[in-house]
N, C-alpha and C. Protein backbone atom coordinates (compact mmCIF):
# COMPACT_ATOMS: atom_id res chain seq x y z
N UNK A 1 55.31 141.28 102.14
CA UNK A 1 55.96 140.47 101.13
C UNK A 1 57.21 139.83 101.72
N UNK A 2 57.37 138.54 101.48
CA UNK A 2 58.52 137.83 102.01
C UNK A 2 59.73 138.05 101.11
N UNK A 3 60.84 138.25 101.73
CA UNK A 3 62.08 138.41 100.97
C UNK A 3 62.64 137.02 100.68
N UNK A 4 62.91 136.77 99.42
CA UNK A 4 63.51 135.49 99.03
C UNK A 4 64.91 135.74 98.52
N UNK A 5 65.62 134.64 98.29
CA UNK A 5 67.00 134.76 97.81
C UNK A 5 67.04 135.41 96.44
N UNK A 6 66.01 135.18 95.62
CA UNK A 6 66.00 135.74 94.27
C UNK A 6 65.69 137.23 94.29
N UNK A 7 64.89 137.69 95.28
CA UNK A 7 64.49 139.09 95.30
C UNK A 7 65.47 139.98 96.06
N UNK A 8 66.30 139.39 96.91
CA UNK A 8 67.26 140.19 97.65
C UNK A 8 68.42 140.60 96.76
N UNK A 9 69.00 141.73 97.09
CA UNK A 9 70.18 142.17 96.35
C UNK A 9 71.35 141.27 96.73
N UNK A 10 72.21 140.96 95.75
CA UNK A 10 73.35 140.09 96.07
C UNK A 10 74.29 140.76 97.06
N UNK A 11 74.91 139.96 97.90
CA UNK A 11 75.87 140.47 98.87
C UNK A 11 77.06 141.05 98.13
N UNK A 12 77.60 142.15 98.62
CA UNK A 12 78.75 142.73 97.92
C UNK A 12 79.93 141.77 97.94
N UNK A 13 80.53 141.60 96.77
CA UNK A 13 81.67 140.68 96.66
C UNK A 13 82.93 141.38 97.14
N UNK A 14 83.80 140.61 97.73
CA UNK A 14 85.07 141.17 98.21
C UNK A 14 85.96 141.49 97.02
N UNK A 15 86.78 142.48 97.17
CA UNK A 15 87.72 142.84 96.11
C UNK A 15 88.92 141.92 96.18
N UNK A 16 89.63 141.73 95.05
CA UNK A 16 90.76 140.79 95.04
C UNK A 16 91.81 141.07 96.10
N UNK A 17 91.98 142.29 96.53
CA UNK A 17 93.00 142.61 97.52
C UNK A 17 92.55 142.40 98.95
N UNK A 18 91.24 142.22 99.17
CA UNK A 18 90.73 142.05 100.52
C UNK A 18 91.22 140.74 101.12
N UNK A 19 91.51 140.78 102.39
CA UNK A 19 91.91 139.55 103.06
C UNK A 19 91.54 139.67 104.52
N UNK A 20 91.51 138.54 105.18
CA UNK A 20 91.22 138.54 106.61
C UNK A 20 92.15 137.54 107.28
N UNK A 21 92.27 137.68 108.57
CA UNK A 21 93.14 136.80 109.32
C UNK A 21 92.28 135.75 110.01
N UNK A 22 92.50 134.50 109.70
CA UNK A 22 91.75 133.41 110.28
C UNK A 22 92.72 132.59 111.11
N UNK A 23 92.67 132.77 112.42
CA UNK A 23 93.66 132.13 113.28
C UNK A 23 95.02 132.73 112.94
N UNK A 24 95.95 131.92 112.50
CA UNK A 24 97.25 132.42 112.08
C UNK A 24 97.42 132.37 110.57
N UNK A 25 96.35 131.95 109.89
CA UNK A 25 96.41 131.81 108.43
C UNK A 25 95.73 133.02 107.79
N UNK A 26 96.38 133.61 106.84
CA UNK A 26 95.82 134.75 106.13
C UNK A 26 95.05 134.23 104.93
N UNK A 27 93.75 134.53 104.88
CA UNK A 27 92.88 134.05 103.82
C UNK A 27 92.55 135.22 102.91
N UNK A 28 92.82 135.06 101.63
CA UNK A 28 92.50 136.10 100.66
C UNK A 28 91.14 135.80 100.07
N UNK A 29 90.27 136.80 100.09
CA UNK A 29 88.94 136.64 99.52
C UNK A 29 88.99 137.06 98.06
N UNK A 30 88.47 136.19 97.21
CA UNK A 30 88.44 136.51 95.79
C UNK A 30 87.01 136.68 95.32
N UNK A 31 86.85 137.53 94.37
CA UNK A 31 85.53 137.81 93.81
C UNK A 31 85.14 136.71 92.84
N UNK A 32 83.92 136.23 92.96
CA UNK A 32 83.43 135.20 92.05
C UNK A 32 83.08 135.84 90.71
N UNK A 33 83.31 135.13 89.60
CA UNK A 33 82.90 135.69 88.31
C UNK A 33 81.39 135.89 88.29
N UNK A 34 80.95 136.98 87.69
CA UNK A 34 79.52 137.28 87.72
C UNK A 34 78.96 137.39 86.31
N UNK A 35 77.66 137.18 86.24
CA UNK A 35 76.92 137.39 85.01
C UNK A 35 75.68 138.18 85.40
N UNK A 36 75.57 139.39 84.92
CA UNK A 36 74.44 140.28 85.22
C UNK A 36 74.23 140.44 86.73
N UNK A 37 75.31 140.57 87.46
CA UNK A 37 75.21 140.84 88.88
C UNK A 37 75.02 139.61 89.74
N UNK A 38 74.93 138.44 89.14
CA UNK A 38 74.75 137.22 89.93
C UNK A 38 76.02 136.39 89.88
N UNK A 39 76.30 135.69 90.97
CA UNK A 39 77.50 134.86 91.03
C UNK A 39 77.30 133.61 90.18
N UNK A 40 78.36 133.17 89.56
CA UNK A 40 78.35 131.93 88.79
C UNK A 40 79.05 130.87 89.62
N UNK A 41 78.39 129.76 89.82
CA UNK A 41 78.94 128.69 90.63
C UNK A 41 79.71 127.75 89.71
N UNK A 42 80.92 127.43 90.12
CA UNK A 42 81.71 126.48 89.33
C UNK A 42 81.45 125.09 89.87
N UNK A 43 81.00 124.23 88.99
CA UNK A 43 80.74 122.83 89.33
C UNK A 43 81.65 121.99 88.47
N UNK A 44 82.78 121.59 89.01
CA UNK A 44 83.75 120.85 88.21
C UNK A 44 84.39 121.77 87.20
N UNK A 45 84.36 121.38 85.94
CA UNK A 45 84.97 122.18 84.89
C UNK A 45 83.98 123.18 84.28
N UNK A 46 82.67 122.94 84.46
CA UNK A 46 81.66 123.75 83.79
C UNK A 46 81.10 124.81 84.73
N UNK A 47 81.01 126.07 84.28
CA UNK A 47 80.35 127.07 85.11
C UNK A 47 78.84 126.87 85.04
N UNK A 48 78.19 126.91 86.17
CA UNK A 48 76.75 126.71 86.25
C UNK A 48 76.14 127.91 86.94
N UNK A 49 75.17 128.53 86.29
CA UNK A 49 74.44 129.64 86.89
C UNK A 49 73.15 129.07 87.48
N UNK A 50 73.05 128.96 88.80
CA UNK A 50 71.90 128.30 89.40
C UNK A 50 70.58 129.04 89.19
N UNK A 51 70.63 130.31 88.79
CA UNK A 51 69.41 131.07 88.58
C UNK A 51 69.09 131.24 87.11
N UNK A 52 69.79 130.55 86.25
CA UNK A 52 69.54 130.69 84.81
C UNK A 52 68.19 130.09 84.46
N UNK A 53 67.41 130.76 83.65
CA UNK A 53 66.08 130.24 83.31
C UNK A 53 66.13 129.02 82.40
N UNK A 54 67.23 128.82 81.68
CA UNK A 54 67.30 127.71 80.74
C UNK A 54 67.97 126.48 81.34
N UNK A 55 68.47 126.57 82.55
CA UNK A 55 69.13 125.43 83.16
C UNK A 55 68.09 124.44 83.68
N UNK A 56 68.24 123.18 83.30
CA UNK A 56 67.34 122.16 83.82
C UNK A 56 68.15 120.94 84.23
N UNK A 57 67.52 120.08 84.99
CA UNK A 57 68.23 118.93 85.52
C UNK A 57 68.63 117.95 84.43
N UNK A 58 67.89 117.92 83.33
CA UNK A 58 68.23 116.98 82.26
C UNK A 58 69.53 117.35 81.57
N UNK A 59 69.81 118.65 81.43
CA UNK A 59 71.07 119.03 80.78
C UNK A 59 72.26 118.67 81.67
N UNK A 60 72.12 118.83 82.96
CA UNK A 60 73.19 118.45 83.87
C UNK A 60 73.33 116.93 83.91
N UNK A 61 72.21 116.23 83.92
CA UNK A 61 72.25 114.77 83.96
C UNK A 61 72.92 114.20 82.72
N UNK A 62 72.64 114.76 81.56
CA UNK A 62 73.27 114.24 80.35
C UNK A 62 74.77 114.48 80.35
N UNK A 63 75.21 115.60 80.91
CA UNK A 63 76.65 115.87 81.00
C UNK A 63 77.31 114.89 81.98
N UNK A 64 76.68 114.65 83.11
CA UNK A 64 77.22 113.70 84.07
C UNK A 64 77.23 112.28 83.50
N UNK A 65 76.20 111.95 82.74
CA UNK A 65 76.10 110.64 82.11
C UNK A 65 77.27 110.42 81.16
N UNK A 66 77.58 111.43 80.36
CA UNK A 66 78.67 111.31 79.39
C UNK A 66 80.02 111.23 80.09
N UNK A 67 80.22 112.02 81.12
CA UNK A 67 81.51 112.04 81.82
C UNK A 67 81.73 110.76 82.63
N UNK A 68 80.65 110.15 83.11
CA UNK A 68 80.80 108.96 83.94
C UNK A 68 81.21 107.73 83.14
N UNK A 69 81.16 107.79 81.83
CA UNK A 69 81.54 106.64 81.02
C UNK A 69 83.03 106.33 81.14
N UNK A 70 83.87 107.35 81.23
CA UNK A 70 85.31 107.13 81.27
C UNK A 70 85.78 106.40 82.53
N UNK A 71 85.32 106.77 83.72
CA UNK A 71 85.73 105.99 84.90
C UNK A 71 85.21 104.55 84.83
N UNK A 72 84.03 104.36 84.25
CA UNK A 72 83.48 103.01 84.16
C UNK A 72 84.31 102.16 83.20
N UNK A 73 84.76 102.73 82.11
CA UNK A 73 85.62 101.99 81.19
C UNK A 73 86.94 101.63 81.86
N UNK A 74 87.46 102.51 82.70
CA UNK A 74 88.65 102.20 83.49
C UNK A 74 88.39 101.06 84.46
N UNK A 75 87.24 101.07 85.10
CA UNK A 75 86.84 99.99 86.00
C UNK A 75 86.81 98.66 85.24
N UNK A 76 86.20 98.65 84.05
CA UNK A 76 86.13 97.42 83.26
C UNK A 76 87.52 96.93 82.85
N UNK A 77 88.37 97.87 82.49
CA UNK A 77 89.73 97.51 82.07
C UNK A 77 90.47 96.81 83.21
N UNK A 78 90.45 97.40 84.39
CA UNK A 78 91.18 96.81 85.52
C UNK A 78 90.52 95.55 86.05
N UNK A 79 89.20 95.47 85.95
CA UNK A 79 88.50 94.27 86.38
C UNK A 79 88.84 93.09 85.45
N UNK A 80 88.91 93.36 84.16
CA UNK A 80 89.27 92.32 83.20
C UNK A 80 90.73 91.92 83.37
N UNK A 81 91.57 92.89 83.59
CA UNK A 81 93.01 92.64 83.71
C UNK A 81 93.35 91.83 84.97
N UNK A 82 92.56 92.01 86.03
CA UNK A 82 92.86 91.31 87.28
C UNK A 82 92.57 89.81 87.20
N UNK A 83 91.67 89.41 86.32
CA UNK A 83 91.29 88.00 86.13
C UNK A 83 90.79 87.34 87.42
N UNK A 84 90.28 88.12 88.35
CA UNK A 84 89.75 87.56 89.59
C UNK A 84 88.23 87.56 89.62
N UNK A 85 87.59 88.28 88.72
CA UNK A 85 86.14 88.37 88.71
C UNK A 85 85.56 87.13 88.03
N UNK A 86 84.45 86.63 88.55
CA UNK A 86 83.78 85.51 87.88
C UNK A 86 83.36 85.92 86.46
N UNK A 87 83.37 84.97 85.55
CA UNK A 87 83.09 85.26 84.15
C UNK A 87 81.72 85.86 83.92
N UNK A 88 80.69 85.30 84.55
CA UNK A 88 79.34 85.82 84.35
C UNK A 88 79.18 87.21 84.94
N UNK A 89 79.84 87.47 86.05
CA UNK A 89 79.80 88.80 86.65
C UNK A 89 80.48 89.81 85.74
N UNK A 90 81.62 89.45 85.21
CA UNK A 90 82.33 90.34 84.28
C UNK A 90 81.48 90.60 83.04
N UNK A 91 80.80 89.56 82.54
CA UNK A 91 79.90 89.74 81.41
C UNK A 91 78.78 90.71 81.78
N UNK A 92 78.27 90.60 82.99
CA UNK A 92 77.20 91.51 83.44
C UNK A 92 77.66 92.95 83.47
N UNK A 93 78.90 93.18 83.93
CA UNK A 93 79.42 94.55 83.93
C UNK A 93 79.61 95.08 82.51
N UNK A 94 80.02 94.21 81.59
CA UNK A 94 80.12 94.63 80.20
C UNK A 94 78.74 94.84 79.58
N UNK A 95 77.78 94.03 80.00
CA UNK A 95 76.43 94.14 79.46
C UNK A 95 75.79 95.47 79.84
N UNK A 96 76.27 96.09 80.90
CA UNK A 96 75.77 97.42 81.26
C UNK A 96 76.01 98.41 80.13
N UNK A 97 77.06 98.19 79.35
CA UNK A 97 77.31 99.06 78.19
C UNK A 97 76.21 98.88 77.15
N UNK A 98 75.62 97.68 77.06
CA UNK A 98 74.48 97.48 76.15
C UNK A 98 73.29 98.31 76.62
N UNK A 99 73.10 98.36 77.93
CA UNK A 99 72.03 99.21 78.48
C UNK A 99 72.27 100.67 78.11
N UNK A 100 73.50 101.13 78.28
CA UNK A 100 73.83 102.52 77.94
C UNK A 100 73.64 102.75 76.44
N UNK A 101 74.12 101.79 75.64
CA UNK A 101 74.01 101.92 74.19
C UNK A 101 72.58 101.91 73.71
N UNK A 102 71.68 101.24 74.40
CA UNK A 102 70.28 101.23 74.01
C UNK A 102 69.52 102.43 74.58
N UNK A 103 69.93 102.92 75.72
CA UNK A 103 69.22 104.02 76.36
C UNK A 103 69.40 105.34 75.62
N UNK A 104 70.60 105.58 75.11
CA UNK A 104 70.85 106.85 74.43
C UNK A 104 69.98 107.00 73.18
N UNK A 105 69.96 106.04 72.24
CA UNK A 105 69.08 106.20 71.08
C UNK A 105 67.60 106.20 71.46
N UNK A 106 67.23 105.42 72.48
CA UNK A 106 65.84 105.41 72.91
C UNK A 106 65.43 106.77 73.46
N UNK A 107 66.33 107.41 74.19
CA UNK A 107 66.03 108.75 74.71
C UNK A 107 65.91 109.77 73.60
N UNK A 108 66.76 109.67 72.61
CA UNK A 108 66.68 110.59 71.47
C UNK A 108 65.38 110.36 70.71
N UNK A 109 65.03 109.09 70.50
CA UNK A 109 63.78 108.76 69.79
C UNK A 109 62.57 109.29 70.55
N UNK A 110 62.57 109.13 71.87
CA UNK A 110 61.45 109.62 72.68
C UNK A 110 61.34 111.14 72.58
N UNK A 111 62.48 111.83 72.58
CA UNK A 111 62.46 113.29 72.52
C UNK A 111 61.97 113.77 71.15
N UNK A 112 62.43 113.11 70.08
CA UNK A 112 62.08 113.55 68.72
C UNK A 112 60.64 113.20 68.37
N UNK A 113 60.23 111.95 68.63
CA UNK A 113 58.92 111.50 68.18
C UNK A 113 57.78 111.77 69.16
N UNK A 114 58.08 111.81 70.44
CA UNK A 114 57.04 112.03 71.44
C UNK A 114 57.15 113.38 72.13
N UNK A 115 58.26 114.06 71.95
CA UNK A 115 58.44 115.38 72.55
C UNK A 115 58.62 115.36 74.06
N UNK A 116 59.03 114.24 74.61
CA UNK A 116 59.21 114.14 76.05
C UNK A 116 60.43 113.26 76.34
N UNK A 117 60.74 113.13 77.60
CA UNK A 117 61.92 112.33 77.96
C UNK A 117 61.59 110.84 77.92
N UNK A 118 62.63 110.04 77.95
CA UNK A 118 62.49 108.58 77.88
C UNK A 118 61.65 108.05 79.04
N UNK A 119 61.78 108.63 80.20
CA UNK A 119 61.05 108.12 81.37
C UNK A 119 59.54 108.27 81.25
N UNK A 120 59.08 109.10 80.31
CA UNK A 120 57.65 109.29 80.12
C UNK A 120 57.05 108.43 79.02
N UNK A 121 57.86 107.67 78.30
CA UNK A 121 57.39 106.77 77.25
C UNK A 121 57.55 105.34 77.77
N UNK A 122 56.46 104.76 78.19
CA UNK A 122 56.52 103.49 78.93
C UNK A 122 57.15 102.35 78.15
N UNK A 123 56.81 102.18 76.88
CA UNK A 123 57.33 101.06 76.12
C UNK A 123 58.85 101.16 75.96
N UNK A 124 59.33 102.33 75.60
CA UNK A 124 60.78 102.51 75.44
C UNK A 124 61.50 102.42 76.77
N UNK A 125 60.93 103.03 77.79
CA UNK A 125 61.57 103.03 79.11
C UNK A 125 61.61 101.62 79.68
N UNK A 126 60.54 100.88 79.53
CA UNK A 126 60.50 99.51 80.05
C UNK A 126 61.49 98.60 79.34
N UNK A 127 61.63 98.79 78.02
CA UNK A 127 62.59 97.99 77.26
C UNK A 127 64.01 98.29 77.70
N UNK A 128 64.33 99.58 77.86
CA UNK A 128 65.67 99.96 78.29
C UNK A 128 65.95 99.45 79.70
N UNK A 129 64.97 99.55 80.59
CA UNK A 129 65.17 99.09 81.96
C UNK A 129 65.28 97.57 82.05
N UNK A 130 64.68 96.85 81.09
CA UNK A 130 64.83 95.39 81.11
C UNK A 130 66.29 95.00 80.87
N UNK A 131 67.01 95.79 80.08
CA UNK A 131 68.44 95.52 79.90
C UNK A 131 69.21 95.73 81.20
N UNK A 132 68.80 96.73 81.97
CA UNK A 132 69.44 96.95 83.27
C UNK A 132 69.12 95.79 84.23
N UNK A 133 67.91 95.27 84.14
CA UNK A 133 67.55 94.12 84.96
C UNK A 133 68.39 92.90 84.60
N UNK A 134 68.60 92.68 83.31
CA UNK A 134 69.46 91.57 82.88
C UNK A 134 70.89 91.76 83.37
N UNK A 135 71.36 93.00 83.33
CA UNK A 135 72.70 93.30 83.84
C UNK A 135 72.82 92.89 85.30
N UNK A 136 71.87 93.31 86.10
CA UNK A 136 71.89 92.98 87.53
C UNK A 136 71.81 91.47 87.74
N UNK A 137 71.01 90.80 86.93
CA UNK A 137 70.87 89.35 87.05
C UNK A 137 72.19 88.64 86.74
N UNK A 138 72.88 89.06 85.68
CA UNK A 138 74.17 88.46 85.34
C UNK A 138 75.20 88.66 86.46
N UNK A 139 75.23 89.86 87.00
CA UNK A 139 76.21 90.16 88.06
C UNK A 139 75.93 89.31 89.30
N UNK A 140 74.66 89.25 89.71
CA UNK A 140 74.32 88.50 90.92
C UNK A 140 74.53 87.00 90.73
N UNK A 141 74.12 86.47 89.58
CA UNK A 141 74.31 85.03 89.36
C UNK A 141 75.79 84.66 89.28
N UNK A 142 76.60 85.53 88.70
CA UNK A 142 78.04 85.28 88.65
C UNK A 142 78.66 85.28 90.04
N UNK A 143 78.28 86.25 90.87
CA UNK A 143 78.81 86.29 92.24
C UNK A 143 78.31 85.11 93.07
N UNK A 144 77.04 84.76 92.86
CA UNK A 144 76.48 83.60 93.58
C UNK A 144 77.22 82.32 93.22
N UNK A 145 77.49 82.14 91.93
CA UNK A 145 78.24 80.97 91.50
C UNK A 145 79.64 80.93 92.09
N UNK A 146 80.29 82.08 92.15
CA UNK A 146 81.63 82.14 92.72
C UNK A 146 81.61 81.82 94.21
N UNK A 147 80.60 82.33 94.92
CA UNK A 147 80.50 82.02 96.35
C UNK A 147 80.23 80.54 96.58
N UNK A 148 79.40 79.93 95.72
CA UNK A 148 79.12 78.50 95.87
C UNK A 148 80.37 77.67 95.61
N UNK A 149 81.15 78.05 94.59
CA UNK A 149 82.40 77.34 94.31
C UNK A 149 83.37 77.46 95.48
N UNK A 150 83.43 78.65 96.06
CA UNK A 150 84.31 78.87 97.21
C UNK A 150 83.86 78.02 98.39
N UNK A 151 82.56 77.98 98.63
CA UNK A 151 82.03 77.20 99.75
C UNK A 151 82.26 75.70 99.53
N UNK A 152 82.02 75.23 98.30
CA UNK A 152 82.27 73.81 97.99
C UNK A 152 83.74 73.47 98.13
N UNK A 153 84.62 74.38 97.72
CA UNK A 153 86.06 74.16 97.84
C UNK A 153 86.49 74.07 99.29
N UNK A 154 85.92 74.91 100.15
CA UNK A 154 86.26 74.87 101.58
C UNK A 154 85.76 73.58 102.22
N UNK A 155 84.55 73.13 101.82
CA UNK A 155 84.01 71.90 102.40
C UNK A 155 84.84 70.70 101.97
N UNK A 156 85.25 70.66 100.70
CA UNK A 156 86.05 69.53 100.23
C UNK A 156 87.44 69.55 100.88
N UNK A 157 87.99 70.73 101.11
CA UNK A 157 89.29 70.83 101.79
C UNK A 157 89.19 70.36 103.23
N UNK A 158 88.10 70.71 103.93
CA UNK A 158 87.95 70.29 105.32
C UNK A 158 87.73 68.78 105.40
N UNK A 159 86.99 68.21 104.44
CA UNK A 159 86.78 66.76 104.42
C UNK A 159 88.09 66.04 104.14
N UNK A 160 88.89 66.58 103.19
CA UNK A 160 90.17 65.96 102.86
C UNK A 160 91.13 66.04 104.05
N UNK A 161 91.12 67.12 104.78
CA UNK A 161 92.01 67.24 105.94
C UNK A 161 91.58 66.29 107.07
N UNK A 162 90.25 66.09 107.23
CA UNK A 162 89.77 65.14 108.24
C UNK A 162 90.17 63.72 107.88
N UNK A 163 90.07 63.37 106.57
CA UNK A 163 90.45 62.03 106.14
C UNK A 163 91.95 61.79 106.33
N UNK A 164 92.76 62.81 106.04
CA UNK A 164 94.21 62.65 106.21
C UNK A 164 94.57 62.52 107.68
N UNK A 165 93.83 63.20 108.56
CA UNK A 165 94.08 63.05 110.00
C UNK A 165 93.75 61.65 110.47
N UNK A 166 92.63 61.09 109.95
CA UNK A 166 92.23 59.74 110.34
C UNK A 166 93.26 58.72 109.87
N UNK A 167 93.76 58.91 108.64
CA UNK A 167 94.75 57.98 108.11
C UNK A 167 96.07 58.06 108.88
N UNK A 168 96.46 59.27 109.24
CA UNK A 168 97.73 59.43 109.96
C UNK A 168 97.64 58.89 111.39
N UNK A 169 96.46 58.95 111.99
CA UNK A 169 96.31 58.45 113.36
C UNK A 169 96.16 56.93 113.37
N UNK A 170 95.77 56.33 112.28
CA UNK A 170 95.57 54.88 112.24
C UNK A 170 96.81 54.10 111.97
């Protein structure tokens, strides 16, 4: 029989007073909080037990999804405040909130009515993803327009400088 991580006895945890000397730095070993003899891993603010039978990737994903909204709102705030982003690109970044706003109810509807996640219900998933496609399209078209304006501005400036050189030499 092969020994796996789940079947092996957990390694003895160091006591709070234990310490070792690492180079010239004294490192104190602390005991990890345990639940039924297993270590609990801290992931950010939430304790996560990697061997828990009820832990699934969807519960972690939904927590990350909710927490990621705040940095994105900060990004939108500073992007709008800077007034340097092309209008269509800025609209595309705001339109991503429409994708988020449509995905959450669609996911709930898929779970309640179909008993599965949104990714397994093709009609709902395709509709939600089409909003993401529109978001990407707005962002790319806005950046493309800004690059074309920049290129046209550089060409007109170079033509104007050539004409002024010709006039000054004549």
